[in-house]
């Protein structure tokens, strides 16, 4: 197998308040975050994992959470420096930081940029105060607008997260949300439909007024049409980018590249001598920090991906991309020959769900609309 592209995910688990729809490993703060101890543990994790990939270069880093913009820019800078000391960087490495408008300070954005962050991703979700309250967000519309405006001044490359299908939301309101987002000149938009994920507050106590399926379909069409009219490429199920500004970090996930991960609950995939291995760190922040203090590994479990599971795992990622992936990626990144799944592919092709040429592994337009049906064929 060829040496695969390599990315790094860094998880900060704390936020000001847990949102009722969020199923990520995030924890509302009840006091100051243990930032110094966290930094030391992250750097130790970089040393531990970096030793396994010393000869490879990092193409991207992503600080996610939680709300990693709660960290001091100096902390971010030292973590980036430690990553570079353990795993060499590509010259044009993409370094993304997730930010919450509720923690917005323009000077802090400038300091993040100075620390080495070159792509900002802002969790706007909505520019409407009533919708933000319904989502349990800690910021208001004015803070969202100020954060987006400052990002446009400081970062050449920045993403805005928006949600649709919100309680009581109309098509006209979504149209206005999109127009507001466009006004800040972002290079990337991530547009997600609100879903009631298991083990969240909203799953237990569903909000009233969520649009019905017909309205949700119209909303999806509106997002697709308006982003296209503004020059955004709908390159992944929920991702829209201006030319040259696709998220390289997420592309590496979807193209089944390798990524290692540090921080509580962070998951990674590393291919060593042709064998793809998944691992995850201790999920509970206190348990994860304890492993560092006791000089033990931060990794809770490692396991090789079963060859029987690889076709589904590969397709689960690759087919999210509208353009799919080059045909040879399948063998390069799984170590399996395509003839193992050729009969499945043929059946899907006969249903008009996947393309009939062998230059790229991709769905048809129909297949993209019925992606779950396509993926189920590989289970």
Protein backbone atom coordinates (compact mmCIF):
# COMPACT_ATOMS: atom_id res chain seq x y z
CA UNK A 1 0.00 0.00 0.00
CA UNK A 2 1.09 3.55 -0.68
CA UNK A 3 1.90 5.85 2.22
CA UNK A 4 -1.37 7.62 2.93
CA UNK A 5 -1.93 11.33 3.59
CA UNK A 6 -1.77 12.17 7.29
CA UNK A 7 -3.82 14.60 9.39
CA UNK A 8 -4.06 15.41 13.10
CA UNK A 9 -7.19 16.01 15.17
CA UNK A 10 -6.88 17.72 18.58
CA UNK A 11 -9.90 17.57 20.88
CA UNK A 12 -10.69 20.19 23.53
CA UNK A 13 -13.62 18.76 25.52
CA UNK A 14 -14.93 21.81 27.37
CA UNK A 15 -17.49 24.45 26.46
CA UNK A 16 -19.34 27.19 28.30
CA UNK A 17 -22.59 25.22 28.15
CA UNK A 18 -23.62 21.90 26.61
CA UNK A 19 -26.07 22.51 23.76
CA UNK A 20 -29.27 20.39 23.91
CA UNK A 21 -28.74 18.93 20.41
CA UNK A 22 -25.02 18.14 20.80
CA UNK A 23 -23.85 14.52 20.92
CA UNK A 24 -20.12 15.30 20.81
CA UNK A 25 -17.77 14.60 23.71
CA UNK A 26 -18.25 18.06 25.23
CA UNK A 27 -18.69 19.12 28.84
CA UNK A 28 -20.03 22.41 30.22
CA UNK A 29 -17.49 24.12 32.46
CA UNK A 30 -18.25 24.60 36.15
CA UNK A 31 -15.05 26.48 36.80
CA UNK A 32 -11.76 27.23 35.03
CA UNK A 33 -10.60 24.63 32.52
CA UNK A 34 -7.33 22.85 33.48
CA UNK A 35 -5.62 24.41 30.47
CA UNK A 36 -1.99 24.02 31.57
CA UNK A 37 -2.46 20.35 32.45
CA UNK A 38 -4.40 19.80 29.22
CA UNK A 39 -1.58 21.36 27.17
CA UNK A 40 1.04 19.15 28.82
CA UNK A 41 -1.08 16.04 28.22
CA UNK A 42 -1.65 16.96 24.56
CA UNK A 43 2.06 17.46 23.99
CA UNK A 44 2.79 14.09 25.61
CA UNK A 45 0.15 12.51 23.36
CA UNK A 46 1.82 14.07 20.32
CA UNK A 47 5.12 12.49 21.34
CA UNK A 48 3.52 9.08 21.91
CA UNK A 49 1.66 8.99 18.62
CA UNK A 50 4.18 10.92 16.56
CA UNK A 51 6.75 8.19 17.15
CA UNK A 52 4.62 5.89 14.98
CA UNK A 53 4.53 8.23 11.96
CA UNK A 54 7.89 10.00 12.11
CA UNK A 55 8.70 9.82 8.40
CA UNK A 56 5.34 11.19 7.24
CA UNK A 57 4.27 14.80 6.87
CA UNK A 58 1.12 16.37 8.26
CA UNK A 59 -1.22 17.90 5.70
CA UNK A 60 -3.70 19.33 8.21
CA UNK A 61 -4.47 19.96 11.87
CA UNK A 62 -7.97 20.49 13.26
CA UNK A 63 -8.71 21.82 16.76
CA UNK A 64 -12.25 20.66 17.57
CA UNK A 65 -14.44 20.39 20.60
CA UNK A 66 -16.13 21.49 22.76
CA UNK A 67 -15.03 25.06 22.23
CA UNK A 68 -11.27 25.11 21.58
CA UNK A 69 -11.35 28.90 21.14
CA UNK A 70 -11.60 29.00 24.96
CA UNK A 71 -7.88 28.22 24.94
CA UNK A 72 -5.36 31.02 25.10
CA UNK A 73 -3.72 31.72 21.72
CA UNK A 74 -0.36 31.09 23.38
CA UNK A 75 -1.50 27.57 24.28
CA UNK A 76 -2.60 26.96 20.70
CA UNK A 77 0.76 28.22 19.45
CA UNK A 78 2.76 25.93 21.73
CA UNK A 79 0.67 22.91 20.74
CA UNK A 80 1.21 23.69 17.04
CA UNK A 81 4.95 24.03 17.69
CA UNK A 82 5.01 20.70 19.56
CA UNK A 83 3.18 19.01 16.69
CA UNK A 84 5.76 20.35 14.24
CA UNK A 85 8.57 19.11 16.46
CA UNK A 86 7.15 15.57 16.47
CA UNK A 87 5.71 15.24 12.95
CA UNK A 88 7.05 17.42 10.11
CA UNK A 89 4.56 19.73 8.40
CA UNK A 90 3.75 20.06 4.73
CA UNK A 91 4.68 23.54 3.54
CA UNK A 92 1.03 24.44 2.89
CA UNK A 93 -0.44 22.77 5.98
CA UNK A 94 -4.04 23.71 6.81
CA UNK A 95 -4.59 24.47 10.52
CA UNK A 96 -8.23 24.91 11.52
CA UNK A 97 -9.62 26.12 14.84
CA UNK A 98 -13.29 25.86 15.79
CA UNK A 99 -14.59 29.03 17.43
CA UNK A 100 -17.80 29.97 19.21
CA UNK A 101 -19.20 33.50 18.80
CA UNK A 102 -19.93 33.42 22.54
CA UNK A 103 -16.18 33.52 23.21
CA UNK A 104 -15.49 36.10 20.48
CA UNK A 105 -12.82 38.78 20.87
CA UNK A 106 -11.35 40.35 17.73
CA UNK A 107 -7.89 40.58 19.27
CA UNK A 108 -8.06 36.90 20.16
CA UNK A 109 -8.85 36.06 16.53
CA UNK A 110 -5.75 38.04 15.51
CA UNK A 111 -3.68 36.22 18.12
CA UNK A 112 -4.93 32.83 16.90
CA UNK A 113 -3.80 33.80 13.42
CA UNK A 114 -0.40 34.85 14.77
CA UNK A 115 -0.14 31.53 16.64
CA UNK A 116 -0.34 29.61 13.36
CA UNK A 117 -4.06 29.03 12.77
CA UNK A 118 -4.82 29.73 9.09
CA UNK A 119 -8.45 28.58 8.90
CA UNK A 120 -11.25 29.47 11.29
CA UNK A 121 -14.53 27.56 11.60
CA UNK A 122 -17.23 29.51 13.45
CA UNK A 123 -20.24 27.77 14.97
CA UNK A 124 -22.81 30.39 14.01
CA UNK A 125 -25.78 27.96 13.62
CA UNK A 126 -28.18 30.92 13.20
CA UNK A 127 -28.20 34.72 12.99
CA UNK A 128 -31.69 34.85 14.53
CA UNK A 129 -31.96 35.45 18.28
CA UNK A 130 -35.13 33.40 18.69
CA UNK A 131 -33.59 30.43 16.87
CA UNK A 132 -30.38 30.71 18.90
CA UNK A 133 -32.39 30.61 22.13
CA UNK A 134 -34.30 27.58 20.86
CA UNK A 135 -30.97 25.85 20.20
CA UNK A 136 -29.65 26.72 23.66
CA UNK A 137 -26.71 28.65 22.23
CA UNK A 138 -24.74 30.99 24.52
CA UNK A 139 -24.29 33.71 21.87
CA UNK A 140 -26.74 36.13 20.30
CA UNK A 141 -27.23 37.43 16.78
CA UNK A 142 -25.05 40.50 17.29
CA UNK A 143 -22.15 38.37 18.54
CA UNK A 144 -22.57 36.01 15.59
CA UNK A 145 -22.39 38.89 13.12
CA UNK A 146 -19.39 40.48 14.82
CA UNK A 147 -17.51 37.17 14.87
CA UNK A 148 -18.20 36.50 11.18
CA UNK A 149 -17.23 40.05 10.21
CA UNK A 150 -13.94 39.87 12.11
CA UNK A 151 -13.12 36.46 10.68
CA UNK A 152 -13.42 37.96 7.20
CA UNK A 153 -10.94 40.69 8.10
CA UNK A 154 -8.37 38.42 9.72
CA UNK A 155 -8.58 35.08 7.88
CA UNK A 156 -8.41 34.50 4.15
CA UNK A 157 -10.03 31.10 4.69
CA UNK A 158 -12.95 30.70 7.09
CA UNK A 159 -16.03 28.53 7.48
CA UNK A 160 -19.45 29.33 8.90
CA UNK A 161 -21.59 26.55 10.37
CA UNK A 162 -25.33 26.98 9.82
CA UNK A 163 -28.24 24.77 10.83
CA UNK A 164 -31.65 24.49 9.20
CA UNK A 165 -34.87 22.71 10.05
CA UNK A 166 -34.94 24.65 13.32
CA UNK A 167 -38.04 24.87 15.53
CA UNK A 168 -40.52 27.23 13.89
CA UNK A 169 -38.20 28.04 10.98
CA UNK A 170 -39.75 29.00 7.64
CA UNK A 171 -38.30 28.88 4.14
CA UNK A 172 -38.16 32.68 4.10
CA UNK A 173 -36.22 32.76 7.37
CA UNK A 174 -33.70 30.26 6.02
CA UNK A 175 -33.34 32.37 2.88
CA UNK A 176 -32.51 35.38 5.06
CA UNK A 177 -30.01 33.33 7.10
CA UNK A 178 -28.17 32.33 3.94
CA UNK A 179 -28.10 35.88 2.60
CA UNK A 180 -26.64 37.06 5.91
CA UNK A 181 -23.98 34.36 5.80
CA UNK A 182 -23.04 35.27 2.21
CA UNK A 183 -22.59 38.93 3.20
CA UNK A 184 -19.47 38.16 5.24
CA UNK A 185 -17.53 36.67 2.33
CA UNK A 186 -16.85 33.26 3.85
CA UNK A 187 -14.94 30.79 1.70
CA UNK A 188 -16.77 27.75 3.08
CA UNK A 189 -20.21 26.95 4.47
CA UNK A 190 -21.28 23.87 6.41
CA UNK A 191 -25.08 23.54 6.41
CA UNK A 192 -26.58 20.87 8.65
CA UNK A 193 -30.16 19.84 9.20
CA UNK A 194 -31.06 19.71 12.89
CA UNK A 195 -31.29 16.07 13.94
CA UNK A 196 -32.38 14.67 17.29
CA UNK A 197 -29.38 12.53 18.20
CA UNK A 198 -29.67 9.76 20.82
CA UNK A 199 -28.60 10.60 24.36
CA UNK A 200 -29.12 14.34 23.93
CA UNK A 201 -31.54 16.62 25.73
CA UNK A 202 -33.48 17.16 22.51
CA UNK A 203 -33.87 13.39 22.07
CA UNK A 204 -35.54 13.18 25.48
CA UNK A 205 -37.50 16.42 25.12
CA UNK A 206 -38.02 17.12 21.41
CA UNK A 207 -38.59 20.80 20.62
CA UNK A 208 -41.92 21.79 19.12
CA UNK A 209 -42.31 23.21 15.65
CA UNK A 210 -39.66 21.26 13.74
CA UNK A 211 -40.55 21.53 10.01
CA UNK A 212 -42.11 18.48 8.36
CA UNK A 213 -40.33 16.35 5.76
CA UNK A 214 -41.71 18.27 2.78
CA UNK A 215 -40.50 21.59 4.17
CA UNK A 216 -37.13 20.07 5.08
CA UNK A 217 -36.75 18.86 1.49
CA UNK A 218 -37.54 22.36 0.22
CA UNK A 219 -35.00 23.79 2.65
CA UNK A 220 -32.32 21.41 1.37
CA UNK A 221 -33.12 22.49 -2.19
CA UNK A 222 -32.91 26.15 -1.18
CA UNK A 223 -29.48 25.68 0.41
CA UNK A 224 -28.24 23.83 -2.68
CA UNK A 225 -29.58 26.38 -5.15
CA UNK A 226 -28.53 29.54 -3.31
CA UNK A 227 -25.00 28.32 -2.58
CA UNK A 228 -24.57 27.32 -6.23
CA UNK A 229 -25.77 30.75 -7.37
CA UNK A 230 -23.13 32.34 -5.12
CA UNK A 231 -20.31 30.24 -6.55
CA UNK A 232 -20.09 27.58 -3.86
CA UNK A 233 -19.33 24.00 -4.88
CA UNK A 234 -21.52 21.44 -3.08
CA UNK A 235 -18.68 18.94 -2.78
CA UNK A 236 -19.86 16.89 0.21
CA UNK A 237 -23.23 16.11 1.76
CA UNK A 238 -23.17 19.14 4.09
CA UNK A 239 -20.17 21.10 2.77
CA UNK A 240 -20.02 23.99 0.28
CA UNK A 241 -16.79 25.69 -0.77
CA UNK A 242 -15.55 28.45 -3.00
CA UNK A 243 -12.91 27.39 -5.53
CA UNK A 244 -9.72 26.21 -3.83
CA UNK A 245 -11.21 26.32 -0.33
CA UNK A 246 -12.47 22.80 0.30
CA UNK A 247 -11.62 21.69 3.82
CA UNK A 248 -8.48 19.62 3.33
CA UNK A 249 -8.70 18.08 6.77
CA UNK A 250 -12.20 16.72 6.24
CA UNK A 251 -11.32 15.67 2.70
CA UNK A 252 -8.65 13.42 4.17
CA UNK A 253 -11.30 11.71 6.33
CA UNK A 254 -13.65 11.25 3.39
CA UNK A 255 -10.87 9.99 1.11
CA UNK A 256 -9.96 7.39 3.75
CA UNK A 257 -6.58 8.87 4.53
CA UNK A 258 -4.83 8.43 7.87
CA UNK A 259 -5.26 10.68 10.87
CA UNK A 260 -4.09 10.47 14.41
CA UNK A 261 -5.86 12.10 17.28
CA UNK A 262 -5.04 13.52 20.70
CA UNK A 263 -7.36 14.67 23.45
CA UNK A 264 -10.21 13.04 25.39
CA UNK A 265 -12.31 10.66 23.31
CA UNK A 266 -10.54 11.53 20.06
CA UNK A 267 -10.55 8.75 17.44
CA UNK A 268 -7.77 8.06 14.94
CA UNK A 269 -6.94 5.73 12.04
CA UNK A 270 -3.36 4.85 11.19
CA UNK A 271 -2.14 2.42 8.54
CA UNK A 272 1.05 0.64 9.57
CA UNK A 273 2.67 -1.81 7.12
CA UNK A 274 -0.53 -1.99 5.10
CA UNK A 275 -2.81 -2.69 8.08
CA UNK A 276 -5.42 -0.01 8.93
CA UNK A 277 -5.84 0.36 12.68
CA UNK A 278 -8.41 2.38 14.60
CA UNK A 279 -7.84 3.71 18.10
CA UNK A 280 -9.55 5.99 20.55
CA UNK A 281 -8.42 7.84 23.65
CA UNK A 282 -10.06 7.72 27.06
CA UNK A 283 -13.34 9.61 26.68
CA UNK A 284 -13.76 11.09 30.15
CA UNK A 285 -11.50 14.17 30.50
CA UNK A 286 -10.62 13.30 34.12
CA UNK A 287 -9.66 9.72 33.17
CA UNK A 288 -7.69 10.98 30.18
CA UNK A 289 -5.78 13.47 32.35
CA UNK A 290 -5.14 10.76 34.94
CA UNK A 291 -3.42 8.61 32.33
CA UNK A 292 -1.04 11.50 31.67
CA UNK A 293 -0.36 12.17 35.36
CA UNK A 294 0.36 8.48 35.93
CA UNK A 295 2.63 8.30 32.84
CA UNK A 296 0.37 5.79 31.11
CA UNK A 297 -0.88 5.68 27.55
CA UNK A 298 -3.82 7.97 26.76
CA UNK A 299 -5.16 5.41 24.28
CA UNK A 300 -8.05 3.35 25.63
CA UNK A 301 -8.18 0.83 22.77
CA UNK A 302 -6.51 -0.05 19.49
CA UNK A 303 -7.79 -2.58 17.00
CA UNK A 304 -7.13 -3.55 13.42
CA UNK A 305 -10.07 -2.94 11.11
CA UNK A 306 -11.54 -6.28 10.08
CA UNK A 307 -11.08 -6.76 6.31
CA UNK A 308 -14.79 -7.63 6.12
CA UNK A 309 -15.63 -4.17 7.49
CA UNK A 310 -13.26 -2.22 5.24
CA UNK A 311 -15.54 -1.98 2.16
CA UNK A 312 -18.34 -0.38 4.19
CA UNK A 313 -15.97 1.93 6.09
CA UNK A 314 -14.36 3.08 2.86
CA UNK A 315 -17.67 3.69 1.09
CA UNK A 316 -19.20 5.36 4.15
CA UNK A 317 -16.61 8.10 3.74
CA UNK A 318 -15.83 8.20 0.02
CA UNK A 319 -19.42 8.28 -1.22
CA UNK A 320 -20.21 11.37 0.86
CA UNK A 321 -18.17 13.24 -1.75
CA UNK A 322 -20.17 14.35 -4.76
CA UNK A 323 -17.21 13.62 -7.06
CA UNK A 324 -16.36 10.39 -5.25
CA UNK A 325 -12.72 9.31 -5.23
CA UNK A 326 -10.28 7.93 -7.83
CA UNK A 327 -10.84 4.25 -8.52
CA UNK A 328 -7.36 3.23 -7.37
CA UNK A 329 -7.96 4.73 -3.89
CA UNK A 330 -9.95 1.63 -2.95
CA UNK A 331 -6.99 -0.73 -3.18
CA UNK A 332 -4.43 1.87 -2.07
CA UNK A 333 -6.32 2.69 1.11
CA UNK A 334 -7.87 -0.62 2.10
CA UNK A 335 -5.36 -3.14 0.76
CA UNK A 336 -8.26 -5.01 -0.89
CA UNK A 337 -8.94 -5.67 -4.55
CA UNK A 338 -12.09 -4.19 -6.06
CA UNK A 339 -13.25 -7.56 -7.37
CA UNK A 340 -14.22 -8.43 -3.78
CA UNK A 341 -17.13 -5.98 -4.06
CA UNK A 342 -17.57 -5.93 -7.84
CA UNK A 343 -20.84 -7.88 -7.72
CA UNK A 344 -22.30 -5.38 -5.22
CA UNK A 345 -21.17 -2.47 -7.39
CA UNK A 346 -22.71 -4.08 -10.48
CA UNK A 347 -26.05 -4.52 -8.72
CA UNK A 348 -26.03 -0.88 -7.58
CA UNK A 349 -25.10 0.25 -11.09
CA UNK A 350 -28.04 -1.66 -12.56
CA UNK A 351 -30.31 0.23 -10.14
CA UNK A 352 -28.87 3.52 -11.38
CA UNK A 353 -27.33 4.35 -8.00
CA UNK A 354 -23.61 4.36 -8.88
CA UNK A 355 -21.65 5.34 -11.96
CA UNK A 356 -20.75 2.78 -14.59
CA UNK A 357 -17.21 3.88 -15.35
CA UNK A 358 -14.17 2.72 -13.41
CA UNK A 359 -12.18 5.94 -13.26
CA UNK A 360 -13.94 7.11 -10.11
CA UNK A 361 -15.90 5.48 -7.31
CA UNK A 362 -18.98 7.69 -7.03
CA UNK A 363 -22.74 7.70 -6.92
CA UNK A 364 -25.10 9.01 -9.55
CA UNK A 365 -27.31 11.97 -8.64
CA UNK A 366 -30.01 9.45 -7.73
CA UNK A 367 -27.53 7.49 -5.62
CA UNK A 368 -26.50 10.61 -3.73
CA UNK A 369 -30.14 11.24 -2.84
CA UNK A 370 -30.49 7.64 -1.63
CA UNK A 371 -27.03 7.34 -0.10
CA UNK A 372 -28.15 5.22 2.86
CA UNK A 373 -29.51 2.59 0.48
CA UNK A 374 -26.19 2.52 -1.37
CA UNK A 375 -24.20 2.15 1.84
CA UNK A 376 -26.42 -0.61 3.21
CA UNK A 377 -25.38 -2.78 0.26
CA UNK A 378 -21.85 -2.96 1.70
CA UNK A 379 -22.89 -4.08 5.18
